């Protein structure tokens, strides 16, 4: 009799916990904000390419290599895909002018780099017209809850609930290498809350903020590079 009562109590506790988890996972998600600012009426032409580079001058503003690759792949995909020059090949071709210690920080410094022997010719041969500088990072900004695990004669299991919030903030600055000027910027701010409930085993529900930031920036770049404002 006592055993049956314990089983009923455990089932009620289990249902109650699952209800809380359901509410939390339903409420969690990703919020995305994209802010494009175009300064010129330029559009990319047939045969012209774009290259995605990440800032590497400051540790707090180093965009991860995987999001740089992700944006490049997304930008090149689909029927409306653009021609994207591989990042590493571009840096190697123009070594050392786009290395962390020598790469220009502003368009005011760009003419000096383009004036170096062979730089303009190599860029022209590569077909790259537009360079996208990517600043930012994805960081965990908050977390809470907890999960406890234990093992005994009847087996092992975990119980609890953990959550964390991530914020993906990036700024893409588009440079026109032909005119040595800035064409505009796109700011992305994507936040999301991930939840990991545990009833025997942990079950993660991950808010993929970096993936959303990549897709959003690539979509905005396609519009930016192919559409005249107004």
Protein backbone atom coordinates (compact mmCIF):
# COMPACT_ATOMS: atom_id res chain seq x y z
CA UNK A 1 0.00 0.00 0.00
CA UNK A 2 2.76 2.40 1.01
CA UNK A 3 4.67 1.54 -2.18
CA UNK A 4 1.62 2.34 -4.33
CA UNK A 5 1.24 5.71 -2.61
CA UNK A 6 4.89 6.51 -3.28
CA UNK A 7 4.49 5.56 -6.94
CA UNK A 8 1.41 7.78 -7.28
CA UNK A 9 3.25 10.64 -5.53
CA UNK A 10 6.24 10.24 -7.83
CA UNK A 11 4.00 10.25 -10.91
CA UNK A 12 2.29 13.45 -9.71
CA UNK A 13 5.68 15.05 -9.05
CA UNK A 14 6.85 13.95 -12.48
CA UNK A 15 3.76 15.41 -14.20
CA UNK A 16 4.12 18.66 -12.23
CA UNK A 17 7.79 18.97 -13.14
CA UNK A 18 7.05 18.24 -16.80
CA UNK A 19 4.35 20.94 -16.79
CA UNK A 20 6.85 23.50 -15.50
CA UNK A 21 9.38 22.39 -18.11
CA UNK A 22 6.76 22.65 -20.86
CA UNK A 23 5.93 26.22 -19.86
CA UNK A 24 9.60 27.22 -19.76
CA UNK A 25 10.53 25.63 -23.07
CA UNK A 26 7.45 27.12 -24.74
CA UNK A 27 8.38 30.57 -23.47
CA UNK A 28 12.03 30.38 -24.42
CA UNK A 29 13.15 31.23 -27.94
CA UNK A 30 15.20 33.60 -30.03
CA UNK A 31 14.69 37.34 -30.51
CA UNK A 32 16.44 38.85 -33.52
CA UNK A 33 17.06 42.48 -34.51
CA UNK A 34 18.75 43.47 -37.79
CA UNK A 35 19.58 47.11 -38.56
CA UNK A 36 20.99 47.80 -42.04
CA UNK A 37 22.35 51.24 -42.95
CA UNK A 38 23.32 51.77 -46.60
CA UNK A 39 25.39 54.81 -47.53
CA UNK A 40 25.56 54.37 -51.31
CA UNK A 41 23.48 53.16 -54.24
CA UNK A 42 26.01 50.58 -55.34
CA UNK A 43 25.04 47.00 -56.22
CA UNK A 44 27.25 44.04 -56.98
CA UNK A 45 27.71 43.32 -60.69
CA UNK A 46 28.16 40.06 -62.59
CA UNK A 47 31.68 38.74 -62.14
CA UNK A 48 32.27 40.71 -58.94
CA UNK A 49 32.91 38.93 -55.67
CA UNK A 50 32.56 39.61 -51.97
CA UNK A 51 34.88 38.40 -49.20
CA UNK A 52 34.06 38.06 -45.48
CA UNK A 53 36.86 38.90 -43.01
CA UNK A 54 36.78 39.15 -39.21
CA UNK A 55 38.39 41.83 -37.08
CA UNK A 56 41.37 40.47 -35.16
CA UNK A 57 42.90 43.55 -33.58
CA UNK A 58 41.19 43.23 -30.19
CA UNK A 59 40.37 40.06 -28.31
CA UNK A 60 36.98 41.45 -27.25
CA UNK A 61 35.97 42.10 -30.86
CA UNK A 62 37.15 38.96 -32.62
CA UNK A 63 34.34 37.35 -34.58
CA UNK A 64 34.61 33.57 -34.47
CA UNK A 65 35.96 31.83 -37.57
CA UNK A 66 32.92 29.57 -37.77
CA UNK A 67 30.43 32.44 -38.13
CA UNK A 68 32.63 34.03 -40.81
CA UNK A 69 32.53 30.75 -42.72
CA UNK A 70 28.80 30.36 -42.02
CA UNK A 71 27.96 33.79 -43.46
CA UNK A 72 30.12 33.14 -46.51
CA UNK A 73 28.44 29.78 -47.16
CA UNK A 74 24.94 31.22 -46.65
CA UNK A 75 25.71 34.19 -48.88
CA UNK A 76 26.78 31.87 -51.70
CA UNK A 77 23.85 29.45 -51.37
CA UNK A 78 20.51 29.44 -53.16
CA UNK A 79 19.38 30.65 -56.56
CA UNK A 80 20.17 34.22 -55.50
CA UNK A 81 23.60 33.30 -54.12
CA UNK A 82 26.53 35.67 -54.65
CA UNK A 83 30.12 34.89 -55.61
CA UNK A 84 32.11 34.67 -52.38
CA UNK A 85 35.90 34.58 -52.33
CA UNK A 86 37.35 32.18 -49.71
CA UNK A 87 38.54 34.10 -46.65
CA UNK A 88 41.83 32.26 -46.08
CA UNK A 89 42.77 32.42 -49.77
CA UNK A 90 42.17 36.20 -49.77
CA UNK A 91 44.34 36.74 -46.67
CA UNK A 92 47.11 34.53 -48.08
CA UNK A 93 46.97 36.28 -51.46
CA UNK A 94 47.43 39.70 -49.84
CA UNK A 95 49.84 38.69 -47.07
CA UNK A 96 50.77 40.56 -44.92
CA UNK A 97 48.39 43.49 -45.58
CA UNK A 98 45.28 41.93 -44.06
CA UNK A 99 46.98 40.23 -41.14
CA UNK A 100 45.90 41.31 -37.61
CA UNK A 101 48.85 43.68 -37.10
CA UNK A 102 48.63 45.41 -40.49
CA UNK A 103 45.00 45.28 -41.67
CA UNK A 104 43.34 48.71 -41.98
CA UNK A 105 40.83 49.67 -39.29
CA UNK A 106 39.01 52.35 -41.27
CA UNK A 107 38.42 53.30 -44.88
CA UNK A 108 40.77 56.26 -44.31
CA UNK A 109 43.60 53.72 -43.96
CA UNK A 110 42.46 51.62 -46.91
CA UNK A 111 44.06 53.72 -49.74
CA UNK A 112 47.48 53.29 -48.10
CA UNK A 113 47.09 49.51 -48.18
CA UNK A 114 45.76 49.52 -51.74
CA UNK A 115 48.77 51.62 -52.79
CA UNK A 116 51.23 48.91 -51.71
CA UNK A 117 53.00 47.20 -54.63
CA UNK A 118 50.82 44.54 -56.24
CA UNK A 119 47.86 44.85 -53.84
CA UNK A 120 45.38 46.53 -56.23
CA UNK A 121 46.36 44.20 -59.08
CA UNK A 122 45.87 41.09 -56.95
CA UNK A 123 42.47 42.29 -55.76
CA UNK A 124 41.43 43.06 -59.33
CA UNK A 125 42.58 39.60 -60.48
CA UNK A 126 40.58 37.96 -57.65
CA UNK A 127 37.36 39.68 -58.71
CA UNK A 128 36.70 40.91 -55.15
CA UNK A 129 34.84 44.23 -55.18
CA UNK A 130 33.34 44.28 -51.69
CA UNK A 131 34.96 43.41 -48.38
CA UNK A 132 32.80 42.73 -45.33
CA UNK A 133 34.48 43.34 -41.96
CA UNK A 134 32.75 41.38 -39.19
CA UNK A 135 33.06 42.51 -35.56
CA UNK A 136 31.41 40.96 -32.52
CA UNK A 137 30.92 37.71 -30.67
CA UNK A 138 28.37 35.35 -29.09
CA UNK A 139 28.50 35.40 -25.29
CA UNK A 140 26.62 33.83 -22.41
CA UNK A 141 25.17 36.75 -20.48
CA UNK A 142 23.10 35.02 -17.75
CA UNK A 143 22.41 31.59 -16.29
CA UNK A 144 20.60 29.94 -13.44
CA UNK A 145 19.03 26.82 -11.97
CA UNK A 146 20.84 23.58 -11.39
CA UNK A 147 20.85 19.84 -11.98
CA UNK A 148 21.75 17.14 -9.46
CA UNK A 149 22.78 13.63 -10.45
CA UNK A 150 23.17 10.57 -8.26
CA UNK A 151 23.78 6.84 -8.57
CA UNK A 152 22.54 4.07 -6.32
CA UNK A 153 21.59 0.43 -6.20
CA UNK A 154 18.51 1.08 -8.32
CA UNK A 155 20.44 2.93 -11.01
CA UNK A 156 21.51 6.48 -11.79
CA UNK A 157 19.65 9.62 -12.76
CA UNK A 158 19.46 13.39 -12.70
CA UNK A 159 16.82 15.87 -11.59
CA UNK A 160 16.62 19.62 -11.94
CA UNK A 161 16.46 22.47 -14.38
CA UNK A 162 19.25 24.69 -15.74
CA UNK A 163 18.96 27.64 -18.12
CA UNK A 164 21.25 30.15 -19.76
CA UNK A 165 20.88 33.16 -22.02
CA UNK A 166 23.20 33.95 -24.93
CA UNK A 167 23.58 37.20 -26.85
CA UNK A 168 25.01 37.26 -30.39
CA UNK A 169 26.02 40.80 -31.31
CA UNK A 170 27.75 41.47 -34.63
CA UNK A 171 28.42 44.43 -36.89
CA UNK A 172 29.15 43.90 -40.58
CA UNK A 173 30.80 46.86 -42.30
CA UNK A 174 30.81 46.74 -46.09
CA UNK A 175 33.78 48.33 -47.88
CA UNK A 176 33.92 49.09 -51.59
CA UNK A 177 37.49 48.18 -52.56
CA UNK A 178 37.19 49.83 -55.96
CA UNK A 179 36.31 53.25 -54.52
CA UNK A 180 38.13 52.68 -51.19
CA UNK A 181 34.99 53.77 -49.33
CA UNK A 182 32.47 52.50 -46.81
CA UNK A 183 29.17 51.42 -48.36
CA UNK A 184 27.34 50.92 -45.06
CA UNK A 185 26.82 48.67 -42.05
CA UNK A 186 24.49 45.97 -40.78
CA UNK A 187 24.03 45.48 -37.03
CA UNK A 188 22.71 42.19 -35.71
CA UNK A 189 21.57 41.51 -32.14
CA UNK A 190 20.17 38.05 -31.44
CA UNK A 191 19.28 36.86 -27.94
CA UNK A 192 17.98 33.49 -26.84
CA UNK A 193 17.35 31.44 -23.71
CA UNK A 194 18.35 27.76 -23.62
CA UNK A 195 16.78 25.34 -21.14
CA UNK A 196 17.99 21.95 -19.93
CA UNK A 197 15.47 20.03 -17.79
CA UNK A 198 16.58 16.73 -16.30
CA UNK A 199 14.30 13.85 -15.33
CA UNK A 200 16.62 10.84 -15.22
CA UNK A 201 18.58 12.26 -18.17
CA UNK A 202 19.22 15.92 -19.16
CA UNK A 203 17.25 17.11 -22.21
CA UNK A 204 18.77 20.27 -23.73
CA UNK A 205 16.61 22.78 -25.64
CA UNK A 206 19.21 25.02 -27.25
CA UNK A 207 18.53 28.53 -28.58
CA UNK A 208 20.95 28.72 -31.51
CA UNK A 209 21.60 32.46 -31.46
CA UNK A 210 24.80 32.31 -33.54
CA UNK A 211 23.06 30.32 -36.28
CA UNK A 212 20.21 32.87 -36.37
CA UNK A 213 22.73 35.73 -36.49
CA UNK A 214 24.56 34.07 -39.38
CA UNK A 215 21.38 33.51 -41.39
CA UNK A 216 20.05 36.99 -40.66
CA UNK A 217 23.31 38.73 -41.64
CA UNK A 218 23.65 36.68 -44.83
CA UNK A 219 20.06 37.51 -45.86
CA UNK A 220 20.60 41.21 -45.14
CA UNK A 221 23.91 41.23 -47.05
CA UNK A 222 22.23 39.73 -50.11
CA UNK A 223 19.63 42.50 -50.06
CA UNK A 224 22.28 45.14 -49.29
CA UNK A 225 24.51 44.13 -52.21
CA UNK A 226 21.76 43.64 -54.80
CA UNK A 227 19.19 46.37 -54.07
CA UNK A 228 19.27 50.13 -54.63
CA UNK A 229 17.78 52.09 -51.72
CA UNK A 230 14.60 54.06 -52.37
